[in-house]
C-alpha atoms as a PDB file:
ATOM      1  CA  UNK A   1     -23.504 128.156  26.739  1.00  0.00           C
ATOM      2  CA  UNK A   2     -26.203 130.637  27.739  1.00  0.00           C
ATOM      3  CA  UNK A   3     -27.949 127.934  29.786  1.00  0.00           C
ATOM      4  CA  UNK A   4     -24.715 127.288  31.697  1.00  0.00           C
ATOM      5  CA  UNK A   5     -24.211 130.978  32.440  1.00  0.00           C
ATOM      6  CA  UNK A   6     -27.820 131.399  33.546  1.00  0.00           C
ATOM      7  CA  UNK A   7     -27.522 128.353  35.813  1.00  0.00           C
ATOM      8  CA  UNK A   8     -24.251 129.632  37.259  1.00  0.00           C
ATOM      9  CA  UNK A   9     -25.818 133.012  38.012  1.00  0.00           C
ATOM     10  CA  UNK A  10     -28.883 131.428  39.639  1.00  0.00           C
ATOM     11  CA  UNK A  11     -26.710 129.160  41.814  1.00  0.00           C
ATOM     12  CA  UNK A  12     -24.573 132.147  42.799  1.00  0.00           C
ATOM     13  CA  UNK A  13     -27.639 134.160  43.787  1.00  0.00           C
ATOM     14  CA  UNK A  14     -28.979 131.248  45.846  1.00  0.00           C
ATOM     15  CA  UNK A  15     -25.653 130.836  47.660  1.00  0.00           C
ATOM     16  CA  UNK A  16     -25.517 134.578  48.352  1.00  0.00           C
ATOM     17  CA  UNK A  17     -29.095 134.506  49.668  1.00  0.00           C
ATOM     18  CA  UNK A  18     -28.250 131.646  52.042  1.00  0.00           C
ATOM     19  CA  UNK A  19     -25.196 133.520  53.285  1.00  0.00           C
ATOM     20  CA  UNK A  20     -27.073 136.700  54.220  1.00  0.00           C
ATOM     21  CA  UNK A  21     -27.022 135.726  57.891  1.00  0.00           C
ATOM     22  CA  UNK A  22     -23.273 135.243  57.791  1.00  0.00           C
ATOM     23  CA  UNK A  23     -22.768 138.544  55.985  1.00  0.00           C
ATOM     24  CA  UNK A  24     -24.617 140.415  58.726  1.00  0.00           C
ATOM     25  CA  UNK A  25     -22.816 138.553  61.513  1.00  0.00           C
ATOM     26  CA  UNK A  26     -25.840 136.668  62.747  1.00  0.00           C
ATOM     27  CA  UNK A  27     -25.586 133.441  64.707  1.00  0.00           C
ATOM     28  CA  UNK A  28     -25.517 130.310  62.521  1.00  0.00           C
ATOM     29  CA  UNK A  29     -28.392 127.851  62.597  1.00  0.00           C
ATOM     30  CA  UNK A  30     -28.112 125.515  65.565  1.00  0.00           C
ATOM     31  CA  UNK A  31     -29.961 122.534  66.926  1.00  0.00           C
ATOM     32  CA  UNK A  32     -32.645 122.859  69.541  1.00  0.00           C
ATOM     33  CA  UNK A  33     -32.036 121.982  73.152  1.00  0.00           C
ATOM     34  CA  UNK A  34     -34.352 119.194  74.166  1.00  0.00           C
ATOM     35  CA  UNK A  35     -35.751 118.412  70.724  1.00  0.00           C
ATOM     36  CA  UNK A  36     -38.769 116.210  71.298  1.00  0.00           C
ATOM     37  CA  UNK A  37     -38.907 117.347  74.927  1.00  0.00           C
ATOM     38  CA  UNK A  38     -40.658 120.478  73.680  1.00  0.00           C
ATOM     39  CA  UNK A  39     -43.685 118.351  72.738  1.00  0.00           C
ATOM     40  CA  UNK A  40     -43.671 116.345  75.961  1.00  0.00           C
ATOM     41  CA  UNK A  41     -41.459 113.401  74.985  1.00  0.00           C
ATOM     42  CA  UNK A  42     -38.446 112.786  77.188  1.00  0.00           C
ATOM     43  CA  UNK A  43     -35.103 112.222  75.492  1.00  0.00           C
ATOM     44  CA  UNK A  44     -36.160 109.758  72.796  1.00  0.00           C
ATOM     45  CA  UNK A  45     -32.692 109.830  71.257  1.00  0.00           C
ATOM     46  CA  UNK A  46     -31.161 108.127  74.280  1.00  0.00           C
ATOM     47  CA  UNK A  47     -29.193 111.142  75.464  1.00  0.00           C
ATOM     48  CA  UNK A  48     -27.331 110.431  78.677  1.00  0.00           C
ATOM     49  CA  UNK A  49     -26.372 114.010  79.508  1.00  0.00           C
ATOM     50  CA  UNK A  50     -28.823 116.852  78.748  1.00  0.00           C
ATOM     51  CA  UNK A  51     -27.525 120.203  77.567  1.00  0.00           C
ATOM     52  CA  UNK A  52     -27.088 123.005  80.157  1.00  0.00           C
ATOM     53  CA  UNK A  53     -30.292 124.752  79.102  1.00  0.00           C
ATOM     54  CA  UNK A  54     -32.350 121.571  79.529  1.00  0.00           C
ATOM     55  CA  UNK A  55     -30.576 120.752  82.801  1.00  0.00           C
ATOM     56  CA  UNK A  56     -31.502 124.177  84.213  1.00  0.00           C
ATOM     57  CA  UNK A  57     -35.112 123.651  83.128  1.00  0.00           C
ATOM     58  CA  UNK A  58     -35.199 120.242  84.808  1.00  0.00           C
ATOM     59  CA  UNK A  59     -33.771 121.711  88.035  1.00  0.00           C
ATOM     60  CA  UNK A  60     -36.359 124.506  88.013  1.00  0.00           C
ATOM     61  CA  UNK A  61     -39.179 121.969  87.551  1.00  0.00           C
ATOM     62  CA  UNK A  62     -37.822 119.863  90.412  1.00  0.00           C
ATOM     63  CA  UNK A  63     -37.701 122.910  92.705  1.00  0.00           C
ATOM     64  CA  UNK A  64     -41.279 123.836  91.836  1.00  0.00           C
ATOM     65  CA  UNK A  65     -42.501 120.361  92.708  1.00  0.00           C
ATOM     66  CA  UNK A  66     -40.691 120.367  96.074  1.00  0.00           C
END
């Protein structure tokens, strides 16, 4: 029984530690915009429509080249 209680307490502490960001109102973990594009690979996942952040970056690059 003591092993169960110890395990329950440890799991509870781990869950509370993971929720610290939520407790302080921080933004949840999100995916990156561009993914492999950050290392020079273009849209390996077959994305047809880039996210707004990536689209703005692509427009800025196109303007610099013109």
